[in-house]
Amino acid sequence: MMKKIAYLFAMIIAAISLAACNQQKDVVKDKPPITEPKGENPSKPEEPVTPEPEEKVYQNEVFKDVVVTETSDTLTITGKAQVFEGVFQYALYDGEKVVKESNYQTAGAPAWGEFKITFEKGLVSSNNAKFELFVYSAKDGSKINTLEIPISKP
């Protein structure tokens, strides 16, 4: 008798499960597709749109997502660094001359710490300018993991 009740109970559960899987929502097929009126507020502009120039992204082993953003009188370098104790150095060169050099403190490795460095465009006067991000080696003090970014004359 218990086997019959168990089989009956299993059959009821199976029937309910199958019925639940087979439910479909009513789809309304009578409505015509929505169209946009011609001439008034078209979704596509009639005039060609000039695409914005793509930002060049620089990276190496310890610096990533590095982008140079230009305003009327400043240049801003933003990105992420994964450096020991969160310290790295940077230098702005105008030709062979170093016009600005300093260090930056951010989150230490293994985290990627964000940075933002801003300087005036007036510091750059030649067409041979570059911005360097680098780390000093703990072993011998030399520059390592250098990321060079060309800077155009304003």
C-alpha atoms as a PDB file:
ATOM      1  CA  MET A   1       0.000   0.000   0.000  1.00  0.00           C
ATOM      2  CA  MET A   2       2.869   2.432   0.804  1.00  0.00           C
ATOM      3  CA  LYS A   3       4.462   1.720  -2.575  1.00  0.00           C
ATOM      4  CA  LYS A   4       1.243   2.717  -4.342  1.00  0.00           C
ATOM      5  CA  ILE A   5       1.047   5.992  -2.426  1.00  0.00           C
ATOM      6  CA  ALA A   6       4.718   6.739  -3.138  1.00  0.00           C
ATOM      7  CA  TYR A   7       4.238   6.023  -6.876  1.00  0.00           C
ATOM      8  CA  LEU A   8       1.080   8.161  -6.948  1.00  0.00           C
ATOM      9  CA  PHE A   9       2.863  10.998  -5.171  1.00  0.00           C
ATOM     10  CA  ALA A  10       5.837  10.769  -7.589  1.00  0.00           C
ATOM     11  CA  MET A  11       3.472  10.815 -10.593  1.00  0.00           C
ATOM     12  CA  ILE A  12       1.688  13.922  -9.290  1.00  0.00           C
ATOM     13  CA  ILE A  13       4.991  15.753  -8.752  1.00  0.00           C
ATOM     14  CA  ALA A  14       6.218  14.749 -12.229  1.00  0.00           C
ATOM     15  CA  ALA A  15       2.961  15.943 -13.814  1.00  0.00           C
ATOM     16  CA  ILE A  16       3.138  19.294 -12.009  1.00  0.00           C
ATOM     17  CA  SER A  17       6.800  19.736 -13.000  1.00  0.00           C
ATOM     18  CA  LEU A  18       6.085  19.022 -16.661  1.00  0.00           C
ATOM     19  CA  ALA A  19       3.080  21.336 -16.662  1.00  0.00           C
ATOM     20  CA  ALA A  20       5.147  24.140 -15.152  1.00  0.00           C
ATOM     21  CA  CYS A  21       7.847  23.744 -17.822  1.00  0.00           C
ATOM     22  CA  ASN A  22       5.345  23.982 -20.658  1.00  0.00           C
ATOM     23  CA  GLN A  23       3.778  27.343 -19.824  1.00  0.00           C
ATOM     24  CA  GLN A  24       4.042  29.954 -22.556  1.00  0.00           C
ATOM     25  CA  LYS A  25       3.108  33.574 -22.392  1.00  0.00           C
ATOM     26  CA  ASP A  26       0.592  34.846 -24.893  1.00  0.00           C
ATOM     27  CA  VAL A  27       2.317  36.682 -27.705  1.00  0.00           C
ATOM     28  CA  VAL A  28       0.441  39.534 -29.320  1.00  0.00           C
ATOM     29  CA  LYS A  29       0.936  39.309 -33.061  1.00  0.00           C
ATOM     30  CA  ASP A  30      -1.760  41.742 -34.159  1.00  0.00           C
ATOM     31  CA  LYS A  31       0.166  44.981 -33.604  1.00  0.00           C
ATOM     32  CA  PRO A  32       2.169  46.363 -36.530  1.00  0.00           C
ATOM     33  CA  PRO A  33       5.839  47.212 -35.934  1.00  0.00           C
ATOM     34  CA  ILE A  34       6.540  50.695 -34.633  1.00  0.00           C
ATOM     35  CA  THR A  35       8.042  52.945 -37.260  1.00  0.00           C
ATOM     36  CA  GLU A  36       9.535  56.364 -36.873  1.00  0.00           C
ATOM     37  CA  PRO A  37       7.916  59.232 -38.743  1.00  0.00           C
ATOM     38  CA  LYS A  38      10.059  60.448 -41.598  1.00  0.00           C
ATOM     39  CA  GLY A  39      11.338  64.001 -41.452  1.00  0.00           C
ATOM     40  CA  GLU A  40      10.555  64.676 -37.802  1.00  0.00           C
ATOM     41  CA  ASN A  41      13.305  63.964 -35.288  1.00  0.00           C
ATOM     42  CA  PRO A  42      15.058  61.203 -37.187  1.00  0.00           C
ATOM     43  CA  SER A  43      17.185  58.948 -35.029  1.00  0.00           C
ATOM     44  CA  LYS A  44      20.105  59.222 -37.436  1.00  0.00           C
ATOM     45  CA  PRO A  45      21.585  62.676 -37.953  1.00  0.00           C
ATOM     46  CA  GLU A  46      21.607  63.913 -41.520  1.00  0.00           C
ATOM     47  CA  GLU A  47      25.005  65.593 -41.204  1.00  0.00           C
ATOM     48  CA  PRO A  48      28.082  63.397 -41.009  1.00  0.00           C
ATOM     49  CA  VAL A  49      29.504  63.192 -37.529  1.00  0.00           C
ATOM     50  CA  THR A  50      33.263  63.398 -37.221  1.00  0.00           C
ATOM     51  CA  PRO A  51      34.499  60.758 -34.815  1.00  0.00           C
ATOM     52  CA  GLU A  52      36.482  61.928 -31.820  1.00  0.00           C
ATOM     53  CA  PRO A  53      40.136  60.974 -32.015  1.00  0.00           C
ATOM     54  CA  GLU A  54      40.897  57.819 -30.095  1.00  0.00           C
ATOM     55  CA  GLU A  55      43.044  58.249 -27.027  1.00  0.00           C
ATOM     56  CA  LYS A  56      46.342  56.422 -27.257  1.00  0.00           C
ATOM     57  CA  VAL A  57      46.800  54.077 -24.313  1.00  0.00           C
ATOM     58  CA  TYR A  58      50.326  53.227 -23.150  1.00  0.00           C
ATOM     59  CA  GLN A  59      51.415  50.333 -20.943  1.00  0.00           C
ATOM     60  CA  ASN A  60      54.217  47.992 -19.927  1.00  0.00           C
ATOM     61  CA  GLU A  61      54.807  45.476 -17.116  1.00  0.00           C
ATOM     62  CA  VAL A  62      54.197  47.922 -14.243  1.00  0.00           C
ATOM     63  CA  PHE A  63      52.150  50.730 -15.827  1.00  0.00           C
ATOM     64  CA  LYS A  64      48.821  50.269 -17.593  1.00  0.00           C
ATOM     65  CA  ASP A  65      45.908  52.298 -18.967  1.00  0.00           C
ATOM     66  CA  VAL A  66      48.188  55.343 -19.233  1.00  0.00           C
ATOM     67  CA  VAL A  67      46.492  58.142 -21.187  1.00  0.00           C
ATOM     68  CA  VAL A  68      47.529  61.728 -21.957  1.00  0.00           C
ATOM     69  CA  THR A  69      44.683  64.249 -21.781  1.00  0.00           C
ATOM     70  CA  GLU A  70      45.169  67.750 -23.128  1.00  0.00           C
ATOM     71  CA  THR A  71      43.406  70.978 -22.140  1.00  0.00           C
ATOM     72  CA  SER A  72      44.128  74.499 -23.339  1.00  0.00           C
ATOM     73  CA  ASP A  73      47.065  75.024 -20.953  1.00  0.00           C
ATOM     74  CA  THR A  74      47.802  71.681 -19.240  1.00  0.00           C
ATOM     75  CA  LEU A  75      48.649  68.074 -19.978  1.00  0.00           C
ATOM     76  CA  THR A  76      47.434  65.366 -17.614  1.00  0.00           C
ATOM     77  CA  ILE A  77      48.779  61.829 -17.527  1.00  0.00           C
ATOM     78  CA  THR A  78      46.539  59.275 -15.814  1.00  0.00           C
ATOM     79  CA  GLY A  79      46.862  55.539 -15.394  1.00  0.00           C
ATOM     80  CA  LYS A  80      47.612  52.700 -13.015  1.00  0.00           C
ATOM     81  CA  ALA A  81      50.888  51.480 -11.543  1.00  0.00           C
ATOM     82  CA  GLN A  82      51.813  48.199  -9.866  1.00  0.00           C
ATOM     83  CA  VAL A  83      55.079  49.045  -8.142  1.00  0.00           C
ATOM     84  CA  PHE A  84      56.937  47.948  -5.009  1.00  0.00           C
ATOM     85  CA  GLU A  85      55.867  50.012  -1.997  1.00  0.00           C
ATOM     86  CA  GLY A  86      53.694  52.099  -4.341  1.00  0.00           C
ATOM     87  CA  VAL A  87      56.479  54.492  -5.374  1.00  0.00           C
ATOM     88  CA  PHE A  88      57.535  55.328  -8.913  1.00  0.00           C
ATOM     89  CA  GLN A  89      59.290  58.244 -10.597  1.00  0.00           C
ATOM     90  CA  TYR A  90      58.485  60.384 -13.591  1.00  0.00           C
ATOM     91  CA  ALA A  91      60.349  62.900 -15.715  1.00  0.00           C
ATOM     92  CA  LEU A  92      59.355  65.363 -18.431  1.00  0.00           C
ATOM     93  CA  TYR A  93      62.007  65.903 -21.087  1.00  0.00           C
ATOM     94  CA  ASP A  94      62.117  68.834 -23.514  1.00  0.00           C
ATOM     95  CA  GLY A  95      64.617  67.432 -25.965  1.00  0.00           C
ATOM     96  CA  GLU A  96      67.501  66.189 -23.791  1.00  0.00           C
ATOM     97  CA  LYS A  97      66.761  68.617 -20.944  1.00  0.00           C
ATOM     98  CA  VAL A  98      64.792  67.419 -17.897  1.00  0.00           C
ATOM     99  CA  VAL A  99      62.227  70.142 -17.152  1.00  0.00           C
ATOM    100  CA  LYS A 100      60.301  68.345 -14.420  1.00  0.00           C
ATOM    101  CA  GLU A 101      61.184  65.281 -12.361  1.00  0.00           C
ATOM    102  CA  SER A 102      59.538  63.879  -9.268  1.00  0.00           C
ATOM    103  CA  ASN A 103      58.113  60.746  -7.667  1.00  0.00           C
ATOM    104  CA  TYR A 104      54.571  59.573  -7.015  1.00  0.00           C
ATOM    105  CA  GLN A 105      53.113  57.534  -4.160  1.00  0.00           C
ATOM    106  CA  THR A 106      50.173  55.216  -4.852  1.00  0.00           C
ATOM    107  CA  ALA A 107      48.967  51.776  -3.723  1.00  0.00           C
ATOM    108  CA  GLY A 108      51.742  49.192  -3.461  1.00  0.00           C
ATOM    109  CA  ALA A 109      51.963  45.948  -5.419  1.00  0.00           C
ATOM    110  CA  PRO A 110      50.187  43.625  -5.971  1.00  0.00           C
ATOM    111  CA  ALA A 111      47.444  46.270  -6.178  1.00  0.00           C
ATOM    112  CA  TRP A 112      47.169  48.561  -9.197  1.00  0.00           C
ATOM    113  CA  GLY A 113      47.270  52.079  -7.758  1.00  0.00           C
ATOM    114  CA  GLU A 114      45.808  54.927  -9.788  1.00  0.00           C
ATOM    115  CA  PHE A 115      47.765  58.091 -10.507  1.00  0.00           C
ATOM    116  CA  LYS A 116      47.206  61.520 -12.044  1.00  0.00           C
ATOM    117  CA  ILE A 117      50.085  63.829 -12.968  1.00  0.00           C
ATOM    118  CA  THR A 118      49.455  67.310 -14.389  1.00  0.00           C
ATOM    119  CA  PHE A 119      51.906  69.825 -15.819  1.00  0.00           C
ATOM    120  CA  GLU A 120      51.739  73.050 -17.823  1.00  0.00           C
ATOM    121  CA  LYS A 121      52.109  72.918 -21.592  1.00  0.00           C
ATOM    122  CA  GLY A 122      54.506  75.848 -21.389  1.00  0.00           C
ATOM    123  CA  LEU A 123      57.209  73.517 -20.050  1.00  0.00           C
ATOM    124  CA  VAL A 124      57.426  71.902 -23.504  1.00  0.00           C
ATOM    125  CA  SER A 125      58.963  74.005 -26.265  1.00  0.00           C
ATOM    126  CA  SER A 126      60.494  71.463 -28.669  1.00  0.00           C
ATOM    127  CA  ASN A 127      59.026  68.826 -30.948  1.00  0.00           C
ATOM    128  CA  ASN A 128      61.231  66.231 -29.272  1.00  0.00           C
ATOM    129  CA  ALA A 129      59.489  66.156 -25.868  1.00  0.00           C
ATOM    130  CA  LYS A 130      58.689  62.993 -23.938  1.00  0.00           C
ATOM    131  CA  PHE A 131      57.276  61.941 -20.586  1.00  0.00           C
ATOM    132  CA  GLU A 132      58.836  58.987 -18.776  1.00  0.00           C
ATOM    133  CA  LEU A 133      57.374  56.808 -16.054  1.00  0.00           C
ATOM    134  CA  PHE A 134      59.923  54.530 -14.405  1.00  0.00           C
ATOM    135  CA  VAL A 135      61.101  52.777 -11.258  1.00  0.00           C
ATOM    136  CA  TYR A 136      64.578  52.896  -9.720  1.00  0.00           C
ATOM    137  CA  SER A 137      66.042  49.418  -9.266  1.00  0.00           C
ATOM    138  CA  ALA A 138      66.597  48.408  -5.638  1.00  0.00           C
ATOM    139  CA  LYS A 139      69.548  46.346  -6.839  1.00  0.00           C
ATOM    140  CA  ASP A 140      71.683  49.005  -8.538  1.00  0.00           C
ATOM    141  CA  GLY A 141      69.666  52.246  -8.688  1.00  0.00           C
ATOM    142  CA  SER A 142      69.232  52.161 -12.462  1.00  0.00           C
ATOM    143  CA  LYS A 143      65.982  53.022 -14.229  1.00  0.00           C
ATOM    144  CA  ILE A 144      63.821  49.971 -14.907  1.00  0.00           C
ATOM    145  CA  ASN A 145      60.362  49.390 -16.400  1.00  0.00           C
ATOM    146  CA  THR A 146      60.574  52.705 -18.255  1.00  0.00           C
ATOM    147  CA  LEU A 147      57.464  53.757 -20.163  1.00  0.00           C
ATOM    148  CA  GLU A 148      58.162  56.567 -22.653  1.00  0.00           C
ATOM    149  CA  ILE A 149      55.283  58.701 -23.896  1.00  0.00           C
ATOM    150  CA  PRO A 150      55.891  61.190 -26.720  1.00  0.00           C
ATOM    151  CA  ILE A 151      54.517  64.672 -26.035  1.00  0.00           C
ATOM    152  CA  SER A 152      53.608  66.897 -28.965  1.00  0.00           C
ATOM    153  CA  LYS A 153      54.513  70.571 -28.926  1.00  0.00           C
ATOM    154  CA  PRO A 154      51.526  72.769 -28.016  1.00  0.00           C
END
